[in-house]
Amino acid sequence: MRTSPRKFLALAATAIITSGAWAQSNPNPWAGAYVQAGLIGYESYIPKSSSGTTTIPAFGNTYSNSSTATHANGPVANIAIGYNFEIKDNYLLGFGAALYPGHSRSANTTLTTLDTPRGTLIGTGTYDVSNVFSFSLLPSYAFDANRLAYLKIGYAGSTLNANASSYPQQTSRVSGIVYGAGYKQMITESIYGFLEGNYAVNKAKSVSVLTDSGSTINSTLNATGYDFLIGIGYRF
């Protein structure tokens, strides 16, 4: 699935408005459209170590390598829209879309190429994550008109930006599954506060990088991540 983060909120809004057009009036106050913003949050992007190959023309051979990276931890915020349909009694099923604008904090990477004629070669660089977005289904339970708890499962995508002195910036799109849970509490008749936590698992993706010296590095992108958010929303 390839979706531009710049367009996905507009597409999601269209789907939600279309759904709302045929949705019948429902007595559950949590049924209907909402918009919200995660104002205070913390995120961590956790790359997994991997192995691959480095082909060095000057040495005329291909060598095994291993790559590691530190966690990209830092503050985070997001915006989201959605629509809740009442299923039965206090149970609802929602559809939501979220976008995390901007870039994560930068973190360090290390590539170790083994058993070359010059011994072990070590290269370092940095990376960050940007344009994180998700589409999710949200089964929820309304305790009453003022309190709602929900789970979420969906599709998440992001852009990984890698930099090193030996090659120009590399940009790769990665995607996977996101799981989450949250709680909403009404503050006024229409405004609510919420707490939410999310956990994402990226699908492994093979990448190839050509360095300035002509070497080719083959490796695998694989990571997990999580975030916690506190924010406010508006229930229509």
C-alpha atoms as a PDB file:
ATOM      1  CA  MET A   1       0.000   0.000   0.000  1.00  0.00           C
ATOM      2  CA  ARG A   2       1.522   3.344  -1.051  1.00  0.00           C
ATOM      3  CA  THR A   3      -0.082   6.429   0.429  1.00  0.00           C
ATOM      4  CA  SER A   4       1.314   9.953   0.451  1.00  0.00           C
ATOM      5  CA  PRO A   5       1.264  11.361   3.994  1.00  0.00           C
ATOM      6  CA  ARG A   6       0.328  14.743   2.496  1.00  0.00           C
ATOM      7  CA  LYS A   7      -2.894  13.329   1.028  1.00  0.00           C
ATOM      8  CA  PHE A   8      -3.968  10.650   3.482  1.00  0.00           C
ATOM      9  CA  LEU A   9      -5.864  12.940   5.889  1.00  0.00           C
ATOM     10  CA  ALA A  10      -7.874  14.359   2.994  1.00  0.00           C
ATOM     11  CA  LEU A  11      -8.693  10.853   1.787  1.00  0.00           C
ATOM     12  CA  ALA A  12      -9.615   9.765   5.293  1.00  0.00           C
ATOM     13  CA  ALA A  13     -11.810  12.821   5.775  1.00  0.00           C
ATOM     14  CA  THR A  14     -13.631  12.037   2.531  1.00  0.00           C
ATOM     15  CA  ALA A  15     -14.269   8.466   3.649  1.00  0.00           C
ATOM     16  CA  ILE A  16     -15.477   9.605   7.061  1.00  0.00           C
ATOM     17  CA  ILE A  17     -17.804  12.268   5.639  1.00  0.00           C
ATOM     18  CA  THR A  18     -19.186   9.753   3.143  1.00  0.00           C
ATOM     19  CA  SER A  19     -19.786   7.247   5.927  1.00  0.00           C
ATOM     20  CA  GLY A  20     -21.480   9.912   8.017  1.00  0.00           C
ATOM     21  CA  ALA A  21     -23.803  10.794   5.170  1.00  0.00           C
ATOM     22  CA  TRP A  22     -25.587   7.453   5.357  1.00  0.00           C
ATOM     23  CA  ALA A  23     -25.118   6.783   9.066  1.00  0.00           C
ATOM     24  CA  GLN A  24     -28.401   7.017  10.951  1.00  0.00           C
ATOM     25  CA  SER A  25     -28.878   9.222  13.965  1.00  0.00           C
ATOM     26  CA  ASN A  26     -27.878   7.308  17.070  1.00  0.00           C
ATOM     27  CA  PRO A  27     -28.587   7.944  20.740  1.00  0.00           C
ATOM     28  CA  ASN A  28     -25.034   7.055  21.841  1.00  0.00           C
ATOM     29  CA  PRO A  29     -23.246  10.419  22.220  1.00  0.00           C
ATOM     30  CA  TRP A  30     -19.901   8.850  21.250  1.00  0.00           C
ATOM     31  CA  ALA A  31     -21.244   7.818  17.825  1.00  0.00           C
ATOM     32  CA  GLY A  32     -20.250  10.207  15.065  1.00  0.00           C
ATOM     33  CA  ALA A  33     -17.243  12.161  13.858  1.00  0.00           C
ATOM     34  CA  TYR A  34     -14.369  13.533  15.934  1.00  0.00           C
ATOM     35  CA  VAL A  35     -11.080  15.394  15.519  1.00  0.00           C
ATOM     36  CA  GLN A  36      -8.249  15.406  18.036  1.00  0.00           C
ATOM     37  CA  ALA A  37      -4.666  16.454  18.625  1.00  0.00           C
ATOM     38  CA  GLY A  38      -2.016  14.723  20.711  1.00  0.00           C
ATOM     39  CA  LEU A  39      -0.296  17.710  22.303  1.00  0.00           C
ATOM     40  CA  ILE A  40       2.169  16.100  24.711  1.00  0.00           C
ATOM     41  CA  GLY A  41       3.865  12.819  23.934  1.00  0.00           C
ATOM     42  CA  TYR A  42       6.944  10.616  23.910  1.00  0.00           C
ATOM     43  CA  GLU A  43       8.093   8.249  21.181  1.00  0.00           C
ATOM     44  CA  SER A  44      10.822   5.664  20.651  1.00  0.00           C
ATOM     45  CA  TYR A  45      11.869   4.147  17.322  1.00  0.00           C
ATOM     46  CA  ILE A  46      13.807   0.915  17.917  1.00  0.00           C
ATOM     47  CA  PRO A  47      15.818  -0.498  14.969  1.00  0.00           C
ATOM     48  CA  LYS A  48      16.784  -4.168  15.029  1.00  0.00           C
ATOM     49  CA  SER A  49      20.367  -5.180  14.285  1.00  0.00           C
ATOM     50  CA  SER A  50      20.784  -6.918  10.934  1.00  0.00           C
ATOM     51  CA  SER A  51      23.393  -8.496   8.689  1.00  0.00           C
ATOM     52  CA  GLY A  52      24.056  -8.128   4.988  1.00  0.00           C
ATOM     53  CA  THR A  53      26.894  -7.723   2.506  1.00  0.00           C
ATOM     54  CA  THR A  54      29.322  -5.027   1.391  1.00  0.00           C
ATOM     55  CA  THR A  55      30.781  -5.256  -2.116  1.00  0.00           C
ATOM     56  CA  ILE A  56      34.046  -3.310  -2.438  1.00  0.00           C
ATOM     57  CA  PRO A  57      35.312  -3.034  -6.067  1.00  0.00           C
ATOM     58  CA  ALA A  58      38.784  -1.936  -4.920  1.00  0.00           C
ATOM     59  CA  PHE A  59      39.180  -5.280  -3.129  1.00  0.00           C
ATOM     60  CA  GLY A  60      37.338  -7.266  -5.787  1.00  0.00           C
ATOM     61  CA  ASN A  61      35.123  -9.135  -3.359  1.00  0.00           C
ATOM     62  CA  THR A  62      31.946  -9.147  -1.265  1.00  0.00           C
ATOM     63  CA  TYR A  63      32.146  -9.251   2.530  1.00  0.00           C
ATOM     64  CA  SER A  64      29.624  -9.819   5.283  1.00  0.00           C
ATOM     65  CA  ASN A  65      28.492  -6.874   7.389  1.00  0.00           C
ATOM     66  CA  SER A  66      26.390  -6.126  10.449  1.00  0.00           C
ATOM     67  CA  SER A  67      24.487  -2.951  11.257  1.00  0.00           C
ATOM     68  CA  THR A  68      23.220  -1.528  14.530  1.00  0.00           C
ATOM     69  CA  ALA A  69      21.500   1.718  15.526  1.00  0.00           C
ATOM     70  CA  THR A  70      20.562   3.521  18.707  1.00  0.00           C
ATOM     71  CA  HIS A  71      16.948   4.325  19.552  1.00  0.00           C
ATOM     72  CA  ALA A  72      15.439   7.569  18.269  1.00  0.00           C
ATOM     73  CA  ASN A  73      13.709   8.824  21.428  1.00  0.00           C
ATOM     74  CA  GLY A  74      12.018  12.159  21.963  1.00  0.00           C
ATOM     75  CA  PRO A  75       8.864  14.273  22.103  1.00  0.00           C
ATOM     76  CA  VAL A  76       6.017  13.647  19.671  1.00  0.00           C
ATOM     77  CA  ALA A  77       2.634  15.119  18.694  1.00  0.00           C
ATOM     78  CA  ASN A  78      -0.073  14.115  16.229  1.00  0.00           C
ATOM     79  CA  ILE A  79      -3.406  15.046  14.698  1.00  0.00           C
ATOM     80  CA  ALA A  80      -6.227  12.601  14.002  1.00  0.00           C
ATOM     81  CA  ILE A  81      -9.751  12.353  12.650  1.00  0.00           C
ATOM     82  CA  GLY A  82     -12.281   9.549  12.857  1.00  0.00           C
ATOM     83  CA  TYR A  83     -15.863   8.339  12.932  1.00  0.00           C
ATOM     84  CA  ASN A  84     -17.490   5.973  15.461  1.00  0.00           C
ATOM     85  CA  PHE A  85     -20.418   3.717  14.567  1.00  0.00           C
ATOM     86  CA  GLU A  86     -22.568   2.272  17.327  1.00  0.00           C
ATOM     87  CA  ILE A  87     -22.729  -1.526  17.075  1.00  0.00           C
ATOM     88  CA  LYS A  88     -24.861  -2.621  20.032  1.00  0.00           C
ATOM     89  CA  ASP A  89     -25.601  -1.249  23.481  1.00  0.00           C
ATOM     90  CA  ASN A  90     -22.421   0.568  24.560  1.00  0.00           C
ATOM     91  CA  TYR A  91     -20.147  -0.977  21.919  1.00  0.00           C
ATOM     92  CA  LEU A  92     -18.872   1.052  18.964  1.00  0.00           C
ATOM     93  CA  LEU A  93     -16.556   0.497  16.025  1.00  0.00           C
ATOM     94  CA  GLY A  94     -14.543   3.406  14.726  1.00  0.00           C
ATOM     95  CA  PHE A  95     -12.359   4.234  11.753  1.00  0.00           C
ATOM     96  CA  GLY A  96      -9.512   6.660  12.348  1.00  0.00           C
ATOM     97  CA  ALA A  97      -6.533   8.252  10.624  1.00  0.00           C
ATOM     98  CA  ALA A  98      -3.567   9.912  12.315  1.00  0.00           C
ATOM     99  CA  LEU A  99      -0.549  11.916  11.175  1.00  0.00           C
ATOM    100  CA  TYR A 100       2.653  12.687  13.106  1.00  0.00           C
ATOM    101  CA  PRO A 101       4.130  15.766  11.387  1.00  0.00           C
ATOM    102  CA  GLY A 102       7.830  16.584  11.342  1.00  0.00           C
ATOM    103  CA  HIS A 103      10.903  14.486  12.077  1.00  0.00           C
ATOM    104  CA  SER A 104      11.926  12.419  15.063  1.00  0.00           C
ATOM    105  CA  ARG A 105      15.149  13.178  16.884  1.00  0.00           C
ATOM    106  CA  SER A 106      18.282  11.976  15.117  1.00  0.00           C
ATOM    107  CA  ALA A 107      20.020   8.792  16.324  1.00  0.00           C
ATOM    108  CA  ASN A 108      23.297   7.041  15.447  1.00  0.00           C
ATOM    109  CA  THR A 109      24.004   4.094  13.130  1.00  0.00           C
ATOM    110  CA  THR A 110      27.050   1.820  12.848  1.00  0.00           C
ATOM    111  CA  LEU A 111      27.967  -0.470   9.941  1.00  0.00           C
ATOM    112  CA  THR A 112      30.701  -3.060  10.508  1.00  0.00           C
ATOM    113  CA  THR A 113      32.188  -4.827   7.467  1.00  0.00           C
ATOM    114  CA  LEU A 114      34.147  -7.961   8.422  1.00  0.00           C
ATOM    115  CA  ASP A 115      37.211  -9.795   7.129  1.00  0.00           C
ATOM    116  CA  THR A 116      38.349  -7.339   4.443  1.00  0.00           C
ATOM    117  CA  PRO A 117      42.017  -7.137   3.344  1.00  0.00           C
ATOM    118  CA  ARG A 118      42.280  -4.074   5.606  1.00  0.00           C
ATOM    119  CA  GLY A 119      40.631  -5.808   8.502  1.00  0.00           C
ATOM    120  CA  THR A 120      37.315  -4.762  10.017  1.00  0.00           C
ATOM    121  CA  LEU A 121      35.891  -1.570   8.525  1.00  0.00           C
ATOM    122  CA  ILE A 122      33.515   0.556  10.600  1.00  0.00           C
ATOM    123  CA  GLY A 123      31.272   3.299   9.229  1.00  0.00           C
ATOM    124  CA  THR A 124      28.988   5.576  11.206  1.00  0.00           C
ATOM    125  CA  GLY A 125      26.021   7.750  10.353  1.00  0.00           C
ATOM    126  CA  THR A 126      22.693   9.045  11.618  1.00  0.00           C
ATOM    127  CA  TYR A 127      19.009   8.532  10.860  1.00  0.00           C
ATOM    128  CA  ASP A 128      15.622   9.988  11.703  1.00  0.00           C
ATOM    129  CA  VAL A 129      11.986   9.087  11.017  1.00  0.00           C
ATOM    130  CA  SER A 130       9.418  11.384   9.391  1.00  0.00           C
ATOM    131  CA  ASN A 131       5.906  11.433   7.894  1.00  0.00           C
ATOM    132  CA  VAL A 132       4.499   8.813  10.239  1.00  0.00           C
ATOM    133  CA  PHE A 133       0.833   8.065   9.549  1.00  0.00           C
ATOM    134  CA  SER A 134      -1.732   5.362  10.255  1.00  0.00           C
ATOM    135  CA  PHE A 135      -5.206   4.108   9.348  1.00  0.00           C
ATOM    136  CA  SER A 136      -6.913   2.140  12.097  1.00  0.00           C
ATOM    137  CA  LEU A 137     -10.034   0.296  13.199  1.00  0.00           C
ATOM    138  CA  LEU A 138     -11.031   1.227  16.755  1.00  0.00           C
ATOM    139  CA  PRO A 139     -13.391  -1.061  18.680  1.00  0.00           C
ATOM    140  CA  SER A 140     -14.525   0.823  21.775  1.00  0.00           C
ATOM    141  CA  TYR A 141     -16.754   0.676  24.819  1.00  0.00           C
ATOM    142  CA  ALA A 142     -18.677   3.678  26.181  1.00  0.00           C
ATOM    143  CA  PHE A 143     -18.997   3.434  29.966  1.00  0.00           C
ATOM    144  CA  ASP A 144     -21.406   6.363  29.760  1.00  0.00           C
ATOM    145  CA  ALA A 145     -21.809   9.672  27.913  1.00  0.00           C
ATOM    146  CA  ASN A 146     -18.555  10.982  29.433  1.00  0.00           C
ATOM    147  CA  ARG A 147     -16.129   8.045  29.319  1.00  0.00           C
ATOM    148  CA  LEU A 148     -14.886   5.879  26.448  1.00  0.00           C
ATOM    149  CA  ALA A 149     -12.164   3.213  26.268  1.00  0.00           C
ATOM    150  CA  TYR A 150     -10.878   1.882  22.953  1.00  0.00           C
ATOM    151  CA  LEU A 151      -8.436  -0.437  21.239  1.00  0.00           C
ATOM    152  CA  LYS A 152      -6.927   0.040  17.808  1.00  0.00           C
ATOM    153  CA  ILE A 153      -5.313  -2.012  15.078  1.00  0.00           C
ATOM    154  CA  GLY A 154      -4.269  -0.777  11.686  1.00  0.00           C
ATOM    155  CA  TYR A 155      -1.706   0.038   9.040  1.00  0.00           C
ATOM    156  CA  ALA A 156       1.195   2.415   9.732  1.00  0.00           C
ATOM    157  CA  GLY A 157       3.742   3.939   7.388  1.00  0.00           C
ATOM    158  CA  SER A 158       6.739   6.225   7.748  1.00  0.00           C
ATOM    159  CA  THR A 159       9.840   7.528   5.991  1.00  0.00           C
ATOM    160  CA  LEU A 160      13.325   6.595   7.184  1.00  0.00           C
ATOM    161  CA  ASN A 161      16.057   9.144   6.409  1.00  0.00           C
ATOM    162  CA  ALA A 162      19.654   7.895   6.682  1.00  0.00           C
ATOM    163  CA  ASN A 163      22.801  10.037   6.450  1.00  0.00           C
ATOM    164  CA  ALA A 164      26.532   9.264   6.455  1.00  0.00           C
ATOM    165  CA  SER A 165      29.735  10.925   5.305  1.00  0.00           C
ATOM    166  CA  SER A 166      30.319   8.125   2.751  1.00  0.00           C
ATOM    167  CA  TYR A 167      27.007   8.457   0.838  1.00  0.00           C
ATOM    168  CA  PRO A 168      24.259  11.014   0.139  1.00  0.00           C
ATOM    169  CA  GLN A 169      21.058  10.956   2.183  1.00  0.00           C
ATOM    170  CA  GLN A 170      19.017   7.812   1.635  1.00  0.00           C
ATOM    171  CA  THR A 171      15.228   7.871   2.012  1.00  0.00           C
ATOM    172  CA  SER A 172      13.190   4.681   2.372  1.00  0.00           C
ATOM    173  CA  ARG A 173       9.484   4.152   3.003  1.00  0.00           C
ATOM    174  CA  VAL A 174       8.652   1.495   5.551  1.00  0.00           C
ATOM    175  CA  SER A 175       5.319   0.154   6.750  1.00  0.00           C
ATOM    176  CA  GLY A 176       3.778  -2.305   9.170  1.00  0.00           C
ATOM    177  CA  ILE A 177       1.056  -2.904  11.738  1.00  0.00           C
ATOM    178  CA  VAL A 178       0.108  -0.605  14.609  1.00  0.00           C
ATOM    179  CA  TYR A 179      -1.643  -1.638  17.822  1.00  0.00           C
ATOM    180  CA  GLY A 180      -2.949   0.757  20.443  1.00  0.00           C
ATOM    181  CA  ALA A 181      -5.282   1.529  23.299  1.00  0.00           C
ATOM    182  CA  GLY A 182      -6.705   4.688  24.778  1.00  0.00           C
ATOM    183  CA  TYR A 183      -9.190   6.414  27.042  1.00  0.00           C
ATOM    184  CA  LYS A 184     -11.334   9.537  26.495  1.00  0.00           C
ATOM    185  CA  GLN A 185     -12.974  11.712  29.146  1.00  0.00           C
ATOM    186  CA  MET A 186     -15.367  14.550  28.369  1.00  0.00           C
ATOM    187  CA  ILE A 187     -14.339  17.993  29.682  1.00  0.00           C
ATOM    188  CA  THR A 188     -17.243  20.008  28.290  1.00  0.00           C
ATOM    189  CA  GLU A 189     -20.280  18.957  26.256  1.00  0.00           C
ATOM    190  CA  SER A 190     -18.147  18.582  23.104  1.00  0.00           C
ATOM    191  CA  ILE A 191     -14.481  18.738  24.167  1.00  0.00           C
ATOM    192  CA  TYR A 192     -12.689  15.737  25.644  1.00  0.00           C
ATOM    193  CA  GLY A 193      -9.242  14.862  26.892  1.00  0.00           C
ATOM    194  CA  PHE A 194      -7.548  11.586  25.976  1.00  0.00           C
ATOM    195  CA  LEU A 195      -4.652   9.299  26.802  1.00  0.00           C
ATOM    196  CA  GLU A 196      -3.303   6.924  24.149  1.00  0.00           C
ATOM    197  CA  GLY A 197      -0.475   4.436  23.670  1.00  0.00           C
ATOM    198  CA  ASN A 198       0.617   2.844  20.378  1.00  0.00           C
ATOM    199  CA  TYR A 199       3.007   0.068  19.381  1.00  0.00           C
ATOM    200  CA  ALA A 200       4.108  -0.463  15.774  1.00  0.00           C
ATOM    201  CA  VAL A 201       5.935  -3.334  14.103  1.00  0.00           C
ATOM    202  CA  ASN A 202       7.551  -2.581  10.737  1.00  0.00           C
ATOM    203  CA  LYS A 203       7.764  -5.154   7.977  1.00  0.00           C
ATOM    204  CA  ALA A 204      11.397  -5.991   7.122  1.00  0.00           C
ATOM    205  CA  LYS A 205      12.605  -4.299   3.936  1.00  0.00           C
ATOM    206  CA  SER A 206      15.788  -4.924   1.944  1.00  0.00           C
ATOM    207  CA  VAL A 207      17.766  -1.835   0.886  1.00  0.00           C
ATOM    208  CA  SER A 208      20.869  -1.230  -1.218  1.00  0.00           C
ATOM    209  CA  VAL A 209      23.132   1.821  -0.888  1.00  0.00           C
ATOM    210  CA  LEU A 210      25.896   2.944  -3.272  1.00  0.00           C
ATOM    211  CA  THR A 211      28.654   4.813  -1.434  1.00  0.00           C
ATOM    212  CA  ASP A 212      30.745   7.664  -2.809  1.00  0.00           C
ATOM    213  CA  SER A 213      33.691   5.264  -3.219  1.00  0.00           C
ATOM    214  CA  GLY A 214      31.661   2.867  -5.388  1.00  0.00           C
ATOM    215  CA  SER A 215      31.003   0.198  -2.756  1.00  0.00           C
ATOM    216  CA  THR A 216      27.537  -1.364  -2.557  1.00  0.00           C
ATOM    217  CA  ILE A 217      25.989  -2.010   0.855  1.00  0.00           C
ATOM    218  CA  ASN A 218      23.077  -4.435   1.090  1.00  0.00           C
ATOM    219  CA  SER A 219      21.174  -4.531   4.366  1.00  0.00           C
ATOM    220  CA  THR A 220      17.717  -4.898   5.909  1.00  0.00           C
ATOM    221  CA  LEU A 221      15.523  -2.272   7.575  1.00  0.00           C
ATOM    222  CA  ASN A 222      13.564  -3.685  10.478  1.00  0.00           C
ATOM    223  CA  ALA A 223      12.259  -1.913  13.561  1.00  0.00           C
ATOM    224  CA  THR A 224       9.564  -1.519  16.173  1.00  0.00           C
ATOM    225  CA  GLY A 225       8.377   1.617  17.910  1.00  0.00           C
ATOM    226  CA  TYR A 226       5.998   2.994  20.467  1.00  0.00           C
ATOM    227  CA  ASP A 227       4.512   6.290  21.599  1.00  0.00           C
ATOM    228  CA  PHE A 228       2.367   7.717  24.396  1.00  0.00           C
ATOM    229  CA  LEU A 229       0.171  10.796  23.926  1.00  0.00           C
ATOM    230  CA  ILE A 230      -1.968  13.148  25.967  1.00  0.00           C
ATOM    231  CA  GLY A 231      -4.286  15.475  24.078  1.00  0.00           C
ATOM    232  CA  ILE A 232      -7.683  17.015  23.490  1.00  0.00           C
ATOM    233  CA  GLY A 233     -10.414  16.341  20.964  1.00  0.00           C
ATOM    234  CA  TYR A 234     -13.771  17.561  19.735  1.00  0.00           C
ATOM    235  CA  ARG A 235     -16.788  15.244  19.505  1.00  0.00           C
ATOM    236  CA  PHE A 236     -19.344  16.383  16.906  1.00  0.00           C
END
